[in-house]
Amino acid sequence: MRAATSAGVAAAVGFAAAVTIGGAALRAQTAPITTLAHPTVTWFGPYAITANDTTRFNYSNLGPDAVLIEWAFTNALTGEMVCGNIGKPSLVGAGTGAIWDYSQHIDPATGQEVPQCDGSQVVRIEPGETYFDKTGRHGLLAWIFVQHTQRGLRRAVDLPTVEVFNSATLADGSKSPAFGEIIAVLHANPIAPNGIILR
């Protein structure tokens, strides 16, 4: 399986970050490069979507200050970023939230995969290239990088989750009867430490 690339996606190259937890340096999972200074990093997965699904980042900032956020969905096998805002952080005010979506459907006219990143098409996959495996699943990891003010970091209340919901359309273009139904809700990876601060 070859992963599709584009100029917009190529800007986020994976790396293994060194992180510090309780004074001990650890190697983090492969993550996209962030442009934020000392962000808190949270990751989710691995999990998968099909051509009938959308995956959504939900984030609520219940802390006292606004935060800057970079987020990404990456291919679980290759680490390639398939959707995100790395290099273009979003400002999320105190007491507010934000959502970001990623989906990938099959164009019935061409049989090609068509990724949609946060409402816009980001990659035109070349013939023969695919993200879906032989079972029709696209394995993903989800990443969120949150930069707080000093005061905000001490009193931060970050509530990120990832959900997968049905976004299937029928052959006539109408929505599936199950459209919008939640398939899964993911909380921060329970095996790897969450809330790590990059040093």
Foldseek 3Di string as FASTA:
>chain_A
DDAFDDPVQVVWDWDFAWFADPRDTDTHDIATDAPDDFWFKFKWDFDKDFQQKKKKKKKFWQFDFKKWKKKFKAQPPPRGTPEIDGVNTDIAGHGGIDMWMWHWHQDPVPRFIFIATRHHTDGGGDPPHDQADPVRIRTIMMMMTIGDDPRRVVGTDMDIKMWMAGADADPVRHTDPRHPPTPDIIDTDPPDDGRTTGD
